[in-house]
Amino acid sequence: MTFERGDLVEYQTGHGEYATGRVTVVNHADETVEVEDEDDGSTWSGLMDYATLLEKGRSPAGEYGLTGS
């Protein structure tokens, strides 16, 4: 799965525990992402394998580096 900044994802925070947030950083070389949690704004970093795409980036133009088109 390829993620982009602004994508909404569900990510694993622990054994059987999940949260949702927006991708803020994508590192394809390491296959890792950083996600800003929707509920508390905390940052999670982890392998792409532990994140599931819920929705392609639909953040407001300019947020997370998106230009809107």
Protein backbone atom coordinates (compact mmCIF):
# COMPACT_ATOMS: atom_id res chain seq x y z
CA MET A 1 0.00 0.00 0.00
CA THR A 2 1.28 3.45 -0.88
CA PHE A 3 0.30 6.27 1.43
CA GLU A 4 0.39 10.00 0.77
CA ARG A 5 0.37 12.97 3.10
CA GLY A 6 -3.18 13.77 4.15
CA ASP A 7 -4.50 10.21 3.82
CA LEU A 8 -6.84 9.09 6.60
CA VAL A 9 -5.64 5.82 8.11
CA GLU A 10 -6.41 3.45 10.92
CA TYR A 11 -3.25 2.39 12.72
CA GLN A 12 -2.41 -0.20 15.32
CA THR A 13 -1.49 1.26 18.71
CA GLY A 14 -1.22 -1.99 20.59
CA HIS A 15 -2.39 -5.60 20.60
CA GLY A 16 -5.93 -5.35 19.22
CA GLU A 17 -6.03 -1.56 19.73
CA TYR A 18 -6.46 0.93 16.89
CA ALA A 19 -6.83 4.68 16.30
CA THR A 20 -7.37 6.93 13.29
CA GLY A 21 -5.41 9.89 12.00
CA ARG A 22 -3.92 11.70 9.02
CA VAL A 23 -0.58 10.78 7.46
CA THR A 24 1.90 13.65 7.88
CA VAL A 25 5.16 11.99 6.76
CA VAL A 26 5.80 9.11 4.35
CA ASN A 27 9.18 7.38 4.13
CA HIS A 28 9.05 4.94 1.19
CA ALA A 29 12.64 3.76 1.68
CA ASP A 30 11.89 2.52 5.22
CA GLU A 31 8.22 1.78 4.51
CA THR A 32 7.20 3.90 7.51
CA VAL A 33 4.66 6.65 8.11
CA GLU A 34 3.99 9.29 10.74
CA VAL A 35 0.35 9.89 11.61
CA GLU A 36 -1.31 12.73 13.56
CA ASP A 37 -4.05 11.25 15.72
CA GLU A 38 -7.53 12.66 15.06
CA ASP A 39 -8.59 12.60 18.72
CA ASP A 40 -5.65 14.02 20.66
CA GLY A 41 -3.17 15.26 18.03
CA SER A 42 -0.43 12.91 19.18
CA THR A 43 2.03 11.53 16.62
CA TRP A 44 2.40 7.84 15.85
CA SER A 45 5.30 6.47 13.79
CA GLY A 46 5.38 2.95 12.45
CA LEU A 47 5.54 0.54 9.57
CA MET A 48 3.04 0.96 6.75
CA ASP A 49 2.03 -2.66 7.43
CA TYR A 50 0.42 -1.47 10.70
CA ALA A 51 -1.75 1.15 8.98
CA THR A 52 -4.85 0.71 6.83
CA LEU A 53 -6.04 3.30 4.35
CA LEU A 54 -9.55 4.54 5.14
CA GLU A 55 -9.74 7.51 2.76
CA LYS A 56 -7.39 9.19 0.31
CA GLY A 57 -6.24 12.67 1.36
CA ARG A 58 -9.17 15.06 1.59
CA SER A 59 -7.70 17.62 3.96
CA PRO A 60 -8.23 21.33 3.27
CA ALA A 61 -5.99 22.78 0.54
CA GLY A 62 -2.57 23.62 1.89
CA GLU A 63 -2.82 21.40 4.96
CA TYR A 64 -0.24 18.60 4.99
CA GLY A 65 1.35 20.13 1.91
CA LEU A 66 -1.64 19.54 -0.37
CA THR A 67 -2.38 22.15 -2.99
CA GLY A 68 -5.94 21.16 -3.85
CA SER A 69 -6.99 20.75 -7.46
